[in-house]
N, C-alpha and C. Protein backbone atom coordinates (compact mmCIF):
# COMPACT_ATOMS: atom_id res chain seq x y z
N MET A 1 0.85 -1.18 0.00
CA MET A 1 0.00 0.00 0.00
C MET A 1 0.89 1.24 0.00
N PRO A 2 0.75 2.11 -0.99
CA PRO A 2 1.60 3.30 -1.02
C PRO A 2 1.25 4.25 0.12
N ARG A 3 2.26 4.94 0.60
CA ARG A 3 2.06 5.91 1.67
C ARG A 3 1.44 7.21 1.15
N ILE A 4 1.72 7.53 -0.12
CA ILE A 4 1.15 8.73 -0.73
C ILE A 4 0.00 8.27 -1.61
N ALA A 5 -1.19 8.74 -1.30
CA ALA A 5 -2.38 8.28 -2.03
C ALA A 5 -2.22 8.53 -3.52
N PRO A 6 -2.34 7.47 -4.33
CA PRO A 6 -2.24 7.66 -5.78
C PRO A 6 -3.44 8.43 -6.33
N ILE A 7 -3.16 9.22 -7.35
CA ILE A 7 -4.20 9.96 -8.04
C ILE A 7 -4.60 9.17 -9.28
N ASP A 8 -5.86 8.84 -9.38
CA ASP A 8 -6.36 8.16 -10.58
C ASP A 8 -6.28 9.15 -11.73
N PRO A 9 -5.52 8.84 -12.79
CA PRO A 9 -5.40 9.79 -13.91
C PRO A 9 -6.74 10.23 -14.48
N ALA A 10 -7.76 9.36 -14.43
CA ALA A 10 -9.08 9.72 -14.96
C ALA A 10 -9.77 10.76 -14.08
N LEU A 11 -9.34 10.86 -12.82
CA LEU A 11 -9.96 11.80 -11.89
C LEU A 11 -9.05 12.99 -11.57
N ALA A 12 -7.88 13.02 -12.18
CA ALA A 12 -6.93 14.10 -11.92
C ALA A 12 -7.49 15.43 -12.39
N SER A 13 -7.01 16.50 -11.76
CA SER A 13 -7.43 17.84 -12.16
C SER A 13 -6.20 18.74 -12.26
N GLY A 14 -6.41 19.91 -12.81
CA GLY A 14 -5.35 20.90 -12.88
C GLY A 14 -4.11 20.41 -13.61
N ARG A 15 -2.97 20.76 -13.07
CA ARG A 15 -1.68 20.42 -13.70
C ARG A 15 -1.48 18.91 -13.79
N ALA A 16 -1.89 18.17 -12.78
CA ALA A 16 -1.74 16.71 -12.83
C ALA A 16 -2.50 16.14 -14.03
N LYS A 17 -3.70 16.64 -14.26
CA LYS A 17 -4.50 16.18 -15.41
C LYS A 17 -3.78 16.52 -16.72
N GLU A 18 -3.24 17.73 -16.81
CA GLU A 18 -2.50 18.14 -18.01
C GLU A 18 -1.34 17.18 -18.28
N ILE A 19 -0.64 16.81 -17.23
CA ILE A 19 0.53 15.92 -17.38
C ILE A 19 0.08 14.53 -17.79
N PHE A 20 -0.96 14.01 -17.14
CA PHE A 20 -1.44 12.66 -17.49
C PHE A 20 -2.02 12.62 -18.91
N GLU A 21 -2.57 13.71 -19.38
CA GLU A 21 -3.13 13.76 -20.73
C GLU A 21 -2.09 14.19 -21.77
N GLY A 22 -0.95 14.65 -21.30
CA GLY A 22 0.13 15.11 -22.18
C GLY A 22 1.32 14.17 -22.14
N PRO A 23 2.40 14.59 -21.49
CA PRO A 23 3.63 13.80 -21.54
C PRO A 23 3.52 12.40 -20.94
N LEU A 24 2.61 12.19 -20.01
CA LEU A 24 2.46 10.85 -19.41
C LEU A 24 1.24 10.11 -19.93
N LYS A 25 0.71 10.52 -21.07
CA LYS A 25 -0.45 9.83 -21.64
C LYS A 25 -0.08 8.37 -21.87
N GLY A 26 -0.88 7.48 -21.31
CA GLY A 26 -0.64 6.05 -21.46
C GLY A 26 0.43 5.50 -20.54
N LYS A 27 1.02 6.34 -19.72
CA LYS A 27 2.08 5.92 -18.79
C LYS A 27 1.58 6.12 -17.36
N HIS A 28 0.53 5.45 -17.03
CA HIS A 28 -0.10 5.65 -15.74
C HIS A 28 0.42 4.64 -14.72
N PHE A 29 1.73 4.72 -14.50
CA PHE A 29 2.39 3.80 -13.56
C PHE A 29 2.22 4.29 -12.13
N ASN A 30 2.35 3.36 -11.20
CA ASN A 30 2.13 3.69 -9.79
C ASN A 30 3.01 4.83 -9.30
N ILE A 31 4.25 4.88 -9.73
CA ILE A 31 5.13 5.97 -9.28
C ILE A 31 4.55 7.33 -9.68
N PHE A 32 4.06 7.44 -10.92
CA PHE A 32 3.52 8.72 -11.39
C PHE A 32 2.20 9.05 -10.71
N LYS A 33 1.39 8.05 -10.44
CA LYS A 33 0.12 8.29 -9.76
C LYS A 33 0.35 8.88 -8.37
N SER A 34 1.38 8.39 -7.66
CA SER A 34 1.67 8.95 -6.34
C SER A 34 2.37 10.30 -6.45
N MET A 35 3.26 10.45 -7.43
CA MET A 35 3.89 11.76 -7.63
C MET A 35 2.85 12.83 -7.95
N ALA A 36 1.73 12.42 -8.54
CA ALA A 36 0.70 13.38 -8.96
C ALA A 36 0.08 14.12 -7.79
N SER A 37 0.30 13.64 -6.56
CA SER A 37 -0.20 14.38 -5.40
C SER A 37 0.44 15.77 -5.34
N SER A 38 1.60 15.90 -5.98
CA SER A 38 2.26 17.19 -6.12
C SER A 38 2.67 17.35 -7.58
N PRO A 39 1.90 18.06 -8.37
CA PRO A 39 2.29 18.26 -9.76
C PRO A 39 3.71 18.83 -9.92
N ALA A 40 4.19 19.56 -8.92
CA ALA A 40 5.56 20.07 -8.97
C ALA A 40 6.56 18.91 -9.02
N VAL A 41 6.26 17.83 -8.31
CA VAL A 41 7.15 16.66 -8.33
C VAL A 41 7.08 15.97 -9.68
N LEU A 42 5.88 15.85 -10.24
CA LEU A 42 5.77 15.30 -11.60
C LEU A 42 6.55 16.17 -12.59
N ASP A 43 6.43 17.47 -12.47
CA ASP A 43 7.17 18.38 -13.35
C ASP A 43 8.68 18.21 -13.15
N MET A 44 9.09 18.02 -11.92
CA MET A 44 10.52 17.80 -11.65
C MET A 44 11.00 16.54 -12.35
N TYR A 45 10.24 15.47 -12.20
CA TYR A 45 10.60 14.22 -12.87
C TYR A 45 10.69 14.43 -14.38
N LEU A 46 9.66 15.05 -14.95
CA LEU A 46 9.64 15.27 -16.40
C LEU A 46 10.78 16.17 -16.85
N GLY A 47 11.14 17.14 -16.03
CA GLY A 47 12.26 18.01 -16.37
C GLY A 47 13.57 17.24 -16.45
N ILE A 48 13.82 16.40 -15.46
CA ILE A 48 15.05 15.60 -15.46
C ILE A 48 15.03 14.63 -16.64
N ALA A 49 13.91 13.91 -16.79
CA ALA A 49 13.82 12.92 -17.87
C ALA A 49 13.94 13.59 -19.24
N GLY A 50 13.31 14.74 -19.40
CA GLY A 50 13.38 15.45 -20.67
C GLY A 50 14.79 15.92 -20.98
N ALA A 51 15.45 16.45 -19.98
CA ALA A 51 16.83 16.90 -20.19
C ALA A 51 17.74 15.73 -20.53
N MET A 52 17.58 14.62 -19.83
CA MET A 52 18.45 13.47 -20.07
C MET A 52 18.15 12.80 -21.41
N SER A 53 16.97 13.02 -21.97
CA SER A 53 16.66 12.46 -23.28
C SER A 53 17.50 13.12 -24.38
N LYS A 54 18.09 14.26 -24.05
CA LYS A 54 18.93 14.99 -25.02
C LYS A 54 20.41 14.74 -24.79
N ALA A 55 20.75 13.85 -23.87
CA ALA A 55 22.14 13.59 -23.52
C ALA A 55 22.87 12.86 -24.65
N SER A 56 24.18 12.95 -24.63
CA SER A 56 24.99 12.19 -25.59
C SER A 56 25.10 10.73 -25.18
N LEU A 57 24.93 10.43 -23.90
CA LEU A 57 24.85 9.03 -23.49
C LEU A 57 23.60 8.43 -24.13
N SER A 58 23.73 7.29 -24.75
CA SER A 58 22.57 6.65 -25.35
C SER A 58 21.59 6.21 -24.27
N MET A 59 20.37 5.96 -24.67
CA MET A 59 19.39 5.45 -23.70
C MET A 59 19.84 4.11 -23.15
N LYS A 60 20.48 3.30 -23.97
CA LYS A 60 21.02 2.02 -23.49
C LYS A 60 22.05 2.27 -22.38
N GLU A 61 22.94 3.23 -22.60
CA GLU A 61 23.94 3.55 -21.57
C GLU A 61 23.27 4.11 -20.32
N GLN A 62 22.29 4.97 -20.50
CA GLN A 62 21.59 5.52 -19.34
C GLN A 62 20.88 4.42 -18.55
N GLU A 63 20.39 3.41 -19.24
CA GLU A 63 19.73 2.30 -18.54
C GLU A 63 20.74 1.48 -17.74
N VAL A 64 21.98 1.40 -18.20
CA VAL A 64 23.02 0.74 -17.40
C VAL A 64 23.19 1.49 -16.08
N VAL A 65 23.24 2.82 -16.16
CA VAL A 65 23.34 3.65 -14.95
C VAL A 65 22.14 3.38 -14.05
N GLN A 66 20.94 3.43 -14.63
CA GLN A 66 19.72 3.26 -13.85
C GLN A 66 19.68 1.90 -13.15
N LEU A 67 20.07 0.86 -13.87
CA LEU A 67 20.03 -0.50 -13.30
C LEU A 67 21.08 -0.68 -12.22
N ALA A 68 22.28 -0.17 -12.44
CA ALA A 68 23.34 -0.31 -11.43
C ALA A 68 22.92 0.38 -10.13
N ILE A 69 22.36 1.56 -10.26
CA ILE A 69 21.98 2.31 -9.05
C ILE A 69 20.67 1.79 -8.45
N ALA A 70 19.77 1.31 -9.27
CA ALA A 70 18.55 0.69 -8.73
C ALA A 70 18.92 -0.45 -7.78
N GLU A 71 19.88 -1.25 -8.20
CA GLU A 71 20.32 -2.37 -7.36
C GLU A 71 21.07 -1.86 -6.13
N ALA A 72 21.96 -0.89 -6.33
CA ALA A 72 22.71 -0.34 -5.20
C ALA A 72 21.78 0.30 -4.17
N GLN A 73 20.66 0.83 -4.63
CA GLN A 73 19.67 1.47 -3.76
C GLN A 73 18.62 0.48 -3.23
N ASN A 74 18.73 -0.78 -3.64
CA ASN A 74 17.75 -1.79 -3.21
C ASN A 74 16.32 -1.38 -3.55
N CYS A 75 16.14 -0.83 -4.74
CA CYS A 75 14.81 -0.38 -5.16
C CYS A 75 14.21 -1.41 -6.11
N ASP A 76 13.33 -2.25 -5.58
CA ASP A 76 12.68 -3.28 -6.40
C ASP A 76 11.86 -2.66 -7.52
N TYR A 77 11.18 -1.53 -7.22
CA TYR A 77 10.38 -0.88 -8.25
C TYR A 77 11.28 -0.45 -9.40
N CYS A 78 12.38 0.22 -9.08
CA CYS A 78 13.29 0.73 -10.12
C CYS A 78 13.95 -0.42 -10.89
N ALA A 79 14.34 -1.48 -10.19
CA ALA A 79 14.96 -2.62 -10.88
C ALA A 79 13.98 -3.23 -11.87
N ALA A 80 12.73 -3.37 -11.46
CA ALA A 80 11.71 -3.94 -12.35
C ALA A 80 11.46 -3.02 -13.54
N ALA A 81 11.25 -1.74 -13.26
CA ALA A 81 10.95 -0.78 -14.33
C ALA A 81 12.11 -0.69 -15.31
N HIS A 82 13.33 -0.58 -14.81
CA HIS A 82 14.47 -0.36 -15.70
C HIS A 82 14.97 -1.64 -16.36
N THR A 83 14.59 -2.79 -15.83
CA THR A 83 14.84 -4.03 -16.57
C THR A 83 13.98 -4.02 -17.83
N ALA A 84 12.71 -3.67 -17.69
CA ALA A 84 11.82 -3.60 -18.86
C ALA A 84 12.25 -2.49 -19.81
N ILE A 85 12.54 -1.31 -19.28
CA ILE A 85 12.92 -0.18 -20.12
C ILE A 85 14.27 -0.44 -20.79
N GLY A 86 15.20 -1.01 -20.04
CA GLY A 86 16.52 -1.31 -20.59
C GLY A 86 16.43 -2.25 -21.79
N LYS A 87 15.56 -3.24 -21.69
CA LYS A 87 15.37 -4.16 -22.82
C LYS A 87 14.78 -3.43 -24.02
N MET A 88 13.89 -2.47 -23.77
CA MET A 88 13.33 -1.67 -24.87
C MET A 88 14.40 -0.84 -25.56
N HIS A 89 15.48 -0.55 -24.85
CA HIS A 89 16.55 0.28 -25.41
C HIS A 89 17.78 -0.54 -25.81
N GLY A 90 17.60 -1.85 -25.95
CA GLY A 90 18.67 -2.66 -26.53
C GLY A 90 19.51 -3.49 -25.59
N LEU A 91 19.26 -3.44 -24.29
CA LEU A 91 20.00 -4.31 -23.38
C LEU A 91 19.42 -5.72 -23.47
N SER A 92 20.29 -6.69 -23.45
CA SER A 92 19.84 -8.08 -23.42
C SER A 92 19.43 -8.44 -21.99
N ASP A 93 18.76 -9.58 -21.84
CA ASP A 93 18.42 -10.05 -20.49
C ASP A 93 19.68 -10.15 -19.64
N ALA A 94 20.73 -10.73 -20.24
CA ALA A 94 22.00 -10.90 -19.50
C ALA A 94 22.58 -9.55 -19.11
N GLN A 95 22.53 -8.57 -20.01
CA GLN A 95 23.09 -7.25 -19.69
C GLN A 95 22.32 -6.54 -18.59
N THR A 96 21.00 -6.75 -18.51
CA THR A 96 20.25 -6.11 -17.42
C THR A 96 20.72 -6.67 -16.08
N LEU A 97 20.97 -7.96 -16.04
CA LEU A 97 21.48 -8.58 -14.80
C LEU A 97 22.91 -8.13 -14.52
N GLU A 98 23.73 -8.09 -15.55
CA GLU A 98 25.12 -7.66 -15.39
C GLU A 98 25.17 -6.22 -14.88
N ALA A 99 24.33 -5.35 -15.42
CA ALA A 99 24.31 -3.95 -14.98
C ALA A 99 23.93 -3.87 -13.51
N ARG A 100 22.96 -4.64 -13.10
CA ARG A 100 22.56 -4.64 -11.69
C ARG A 100 23.68 -5.15 -10.80
N ARG A 101 24.48 -6.06 -11.30
CA ARG A 101 25.63 -6.58 -10.55
C ARG A 101 26.81 -5.61 -10.58
N GLY A 102 26.77 -4.65 -11.52
CA GLY A 102 27.86 -3.69 -11.64
C GLY A 102 29.06 -4.22 -12.39
N HIS A 103 28.87 -5.26 -13.16
CA HIS A 103 29.97 -5.83 -13.95
C HIS A 103 29.39 -6.38 -15.25
N LEU A 104 29.75 -5.72 -16.36
CA LEU A 104 29.25 -6.14 -17.67
C LEU A 104 30.37 -6.70 -18.52
N GLN A 105 30.04 -7.62 -19.39
CA GLN A 105 31.01 -8.20 -20.32
C GLN A 105 31.48 -7.16 -21.33
N ASP A 106 30.61 -6.28 -21.77
CA ASP A 106 30.96 -5.21 -22.69
C ASP A 106 31.86 -4.21 -21.94
N ALA A 107 33.08 -4.03 -22.44
CA ALA A 107 34.08 -3.22 -21.72
C ALA A 107 33.64 -1.78 -21.50
N LYS A 108 33.02 -1.16 -22.51
CA LYS A 108 32.62 0.24 -22.37
C LYS A 108 31.47 0.38 -21.38
N LEU A 109 30.48 -0.50 -21.47
CA LEU A 109 29.37 -0.46 -20.51
C LEU A 109 29.84 -0.80 -19.11
N ASN A 110 30.85 -1.68 -19.01
CA ASN A 110 31.41 -2.02 -17.72
C ASN A 110 32.07 -0.80 -17.07
N ALA A 111 32.82 -0.04 -17.87
CA ALA A 111 33.45 1.18 -17.35
C ALA A 111 32.39 2.17 -16.86
N LEU A 112 31.29 2.25 -17.57
CA LEU A 112 30.18 3.12 -17.19
C LEU A 112 29.60 2.70 -15.85
N ALA A 113 29.32 1.40 -15.70
CA ALA A 113 28.75 0.90 -14.44
C ALA A 113 29.73 1.12 -13.29
N LYS A 114 30.99 0.86 -13.52
CA LYS A 114 31.98 1.05 -12.45
C LYS A 114 32.07 2.51 -12.03
N PHE A 115 32.00 3.42 -13.03
CA PHE A 115 32.09 4.84 -12.71
C PHE A 115 30.89 5.30 -11.90
N VAL A 116 29.68 4.93 -12.31
CA VAL A 116 28.51 5.40 -11.56
C VAL A 116 28.46 4.76 -10.17
N LEU A 117 28.92 3.53 -10.05
CA LEU A 117 28.96 2.92 -8.72
C LEU A 117 30.01 3.59 -7.84
N ALA A 118 31.11 4.06 -8.43
CA ALA A 118 32.10 4.82 -7.66
C ALA A 118 31.48 6.13 -7.17
N ILE A 119 30.72 6.79 -8.04
CA ILE A 119 30.02 8.02 -7.63
C ILE A 119 29.12 7.73 -6.44
N HIS A 120 28.37 6.64 -6.54
CA HIS A 120 27.43 6.28 -5.47
C HIS A 120 28.16 5.94 -4.17
N GLU A 121 29.13 5.06 -4.27
CA GLU A 121 29.83 4.58 -3.07
C GLU A 121 30.64 5.68 -2.39
N LYS A 122 31.17 6.61 -3.20
CA LYS A 122 32.03 7.66 -2.66
C LYS A 122 31.30 8.99 -2.49
N LYS A 123 29.97 8.93 -2.63
CA LYS A 123 29.13 10.13 -2.47
C LYS A 123 29.62 11.28 -3.35
N GLY A 124 30.08 10.94 -4.55
CA GLY A 124 30.52 11.94 -5.51
C GLY A 124 32.01 12.25 -5.45
N PHE A 125 32.67 11.87 -4.37
CA PHE A 125 34.09 12.18 -4.22
C PHE A 125 34.95 11.14 -4.91
N VAL A 126 34.78 11.04 -6.24
CA VAL A 126 35.53 10.05 -7.01
C VAL A 126 36.99 10.46 -7.10
N SER A 127 37.82 9.46 -7.35
CA SER A 127 39.26 9.69 -7.46
C SER A 127 39.63 10.03 -8.90
N ASP A 128 40.84 10.53 -9.07
CA ASP A 128 41.36 10.76 -10.41
C ASP A 128 41.39 9.45 -11.18
N ALA A 129 41.70 8.36 -10.50
CA ALA A 129 41.74 7.05 -11.15
C ALA A 129 40.35 6.64 -11.64
N ASP A 130 39.31 6.95 -10.87
CA ASP A 130 37.95 6.65 -11.30
C ASP A 130 37.63 7.39 -12.60
N VAL A 131 37.97 8.67 -12.64
CA VAL A 131 37.70 9.49 -13.82
C VAL A 131 38.56 9.00 -15.00
N SER A 132 39.82 8.72 -14.74
CA SER A 132 40.72 8.25 -15.81
C SER A 132 40.24 6.94 -16.40
N GLY A 133 39.76 6.04 -15.56
CA GLY A 133 39.24 4.76 -16.05
C GLY A 133 38.03 4.95 -16.94
N PHE A 134 37.18 5.88 -16.58
CA PHE A 134 36.00 6.18 -17.38
C PHE A 134 36.41 6.79 -18.71
N ARG A 135 37.34 7.73 -18.67
CA ARG A 135 37.83 8.36 -19.89
C ARG A 135 38.52 7.34 -20.81
N ALA A 136 39.25 6.41 -20.22
CA ALA A 136 39.97 5.40 -21.01
C ALA A 136 39.02 4.53 -21.82
N ALA A 137 37.78 4.44 -21.38
CA ALA A 137 36.77 3.64 -22.11
C ALA A 137 36.17 4.43 -23.28
N GLY A 138 36.60 5.68 -23.46
CA GLY A 138 36.12 6.47 -24.59
C GLY A 138 35.12 7.54 -24.23
N TYR A 139 34.92 7.77 -22.96
CA TYR A 139 33.98 8.81 -22.52
C TYR A 139 34.73 10.11 -22.26
N GLY A 140 34.00 11.23 -22.35
CA GLY A 140 34.61 12.54 -22.15
C GLY A 140 33.86 13.36 -21.12
N ASP A 141 34.14 14.66 -21.15
CA ASP A 141 33.55 15.57 -20.16
C ASP A 141 32.03 15.56 -20.17
N ALA A 142 31.42 15.58 -21.36
CA ALA A 142 29.96 15.59 -21.43
C ALA A 142 29.38 14.35 -20.77
N GLN A 143 30.00 13.22 -21.01
CA GLN A 143 29.47 11.97 -20.44
C GLN A 143 29.69 11.91 -18.92
N ILE A 144 30.79 12.50 -18.44
CA ILE A 144 30.98 12.55 -16.98
C ILE A 144 29.81 13.33 -16.36
N ALA A 145 29.51 14.49 -16.93
CA ALA A 145 28.40 15.31 -16.43
C ALA A 145 27.07 14.56 -16.55
N GLU A 146 26.87 13.88 -17.68
CA GLU A 146 25.60 13.18 -17.90
C GLU A 146 25.42 11.96 -17.00
N VAL A 147 26.51 11.31 -16.64
CA VAL A 147 26.40 10.20 -15.68
C VAL A 147 25.88 10.75 -14.35
N VAL A 148 26.39 11.92 -13.96
CA VAL A 148 25.89 12.54 -12.73
C VAL A 148 24.40 12.83 -12.86
N GLY A 149 23.97 13.36 -14.01
CA GLY A 149 22.55 13.63 -14.22
C GLY A 149 21.70 12.38 -14.16
N SER A 150 22.15 11.32 -14.81
CA SER A 150 21.41 10.05 -14.80
C SER A 150 21.39 9.46 -13.39
N TYR A 151 22.50 9.59 -12.68
CA TYR A 151 22.58 9.13 -11.29
C TYR A 151 21.55 9.86 -10.42
N ILE A 152 21.49 11.17 -10.56
CA ILE A 152 20.55 11.96 -9.77
C ILE A 152 19.11 11.58 -10.11
N GLN A 153 18.85 11.30 -11.38
CA GLN A 153 17.51 10.87 -11.77
C GLN A 153 17.13 9.59 -11.02
N MET A 154 18.05 8.64 -10.95
CA MET A 154 17.74 7.38 -10.24
C MET A 154 17.66 7.58 -8.74
N MET A 155 18.49 8.45 -8.19
CA MET A 155 18.41 8.70 -6.74
C MET A 155 17.07 9.35 -6.40
N PHE A 156 16.59 10.22 -7.27
CA PHE A 156 15.29 10.86 -7.06
C PHE A 156 14.18 9.81 -7.05
N THR A 157 14.13 8.98 -8.09
CA THR A 157 13.02 8.03 -8.19
C THR A 157 13.13 6.92 -7.15
N SER A 158 14.33 6.43 -6.89
CA SER A 158 14.46 5.36 -5.90
C SER A 158 14.12 5.86 -4.50
N THR A 159 14.55 7.07 -4.18
CA THR A 159 14.22 7.63 -2.87
C THR A 159 12.71 7.86 -2.75
N PHE A 160 12.10 8.37 -3.81
CA PHE A 160 10.65 8.54 -3.80
C PHE A 160 9.97 7.19 -3.55
N ASN A 161 10.42 6.16 -4.25
CA ASN A 161 9.79 4.84 -4.10
C ASN A 161 10.00 4.26 -2.71
N HIS A 162 11.15 4.50 -2.10
CA HIS A 162 11.37 4.03 -0.73
C HIS A 162 10.42 4.71 0.24
N VAL A 163 10.34 6.03 0.15
CA VAL A 163 9.45 6.78 1.05
C VAL A 163 8.01 6.35 0.84
N ASN A 164 7.62 6.21 -0.42
CA ASN A 164 6.22 5.92 -0.77
C ASN A 164 5.85 4.45 -0.62
N GLU A 165 6.84 3.57 -0.64
CA GLU A 165 6.57 2.13 -0.73
C GLU A 165 5.69 1.85 -1.94
N THR A 166 6.13 2.37 -3.09
CA THR A 166 5.38 2.26 -4.33
C THR A 166 5.21 0.80 -4.73
N PRO A 167 3.97 0.35 -4.92
CA PRO A 167 3.76 -1.02 -5.39
C PRO A 167 4.30 -1.20 -6.81
N VAL A 168 5.01 -2.29 -7.03
CA VAL A 168 5.61 -2.57 -8.33
C VAL A 168 4.51 -2.97 -9.31
N ASP A 169 4.46 -2.24 -10.43
CA ASP A 169 3.48 -2.55 -11.47
C ASP A 169 4.15 -2.89 -12.80
N PHE A 170 5.36 -3.38 -12.73
CA PHE A 170 6.11 -3.94 -13.86
C PHE A 170 6.39 -5.39 -13.53
N PRO A 171 6.71 -6.22 -14.52
CA PRO A 171 7.13 -7.57 -14.18
C PRO A 171 8.34 -7.51 -13.24
N ALA A 172 8.34 -8.35 -12.24
CA ALA A 172 9.44 -8.34 -11.27
C ALA A 172 10.77 -8.60 -11.98
N ALA A 173 11.79 -7.89 -11.54
CA ALA A 173 13.13 -8.11 -12.09
C ALA A 173 13.63 -9.46 -11.57
N PRO A 174 14.37 -10.18 -12.42
CA PRO A 174 14.92 -11.47 -11.95
C PRO A 174 15.83 -11.27 -10.75
N LYS A 175 15.87 -12.24 -9.89
CA LYS A 175 16.77 -12.20 -8.74
C LYS A 175 18.21 -12.33 -9.25
N ILE A 176 19.12 -11.66 -8.57
CA ILE A 176 20.53 -11.81 -8.95
C ILE A 176 21.31 -12.45 -7.82
């Protein structure tokens, strides 16, 4: 049972209704229904997601970030959602599990997972070696900044889900 009463999109009013009929049309997931109690929070989510959709990191790469941090945050909702979304963006079943474990067979994606997990574990105080390892995989300044953005996006949603105890409405992510 969610702690924040979900808003039925069919009964939403004001800004929440605009969002459910606009950018979230057909995306009436439990997380958004509870976020709708504050349209400002829905707008915040959409702002982050919209900005990150313009990133140079591919959606596949961003899903590696999301999956690694979903697991690090112990967010079952996020792991389930991003397993499904990651597959839509080209991750294989094996890669979704590898990303959650923080170790991928693909060298470039592995460097990405290691870098974002270093950000998480070190609370942002990464070492020069962490940055050099990420750069050695072919990433640059824009991608360093975008990993931080993608990380913050996952910290926002996973923290929201922890506080809310959002019921999972995606197929459960496989156990790792």
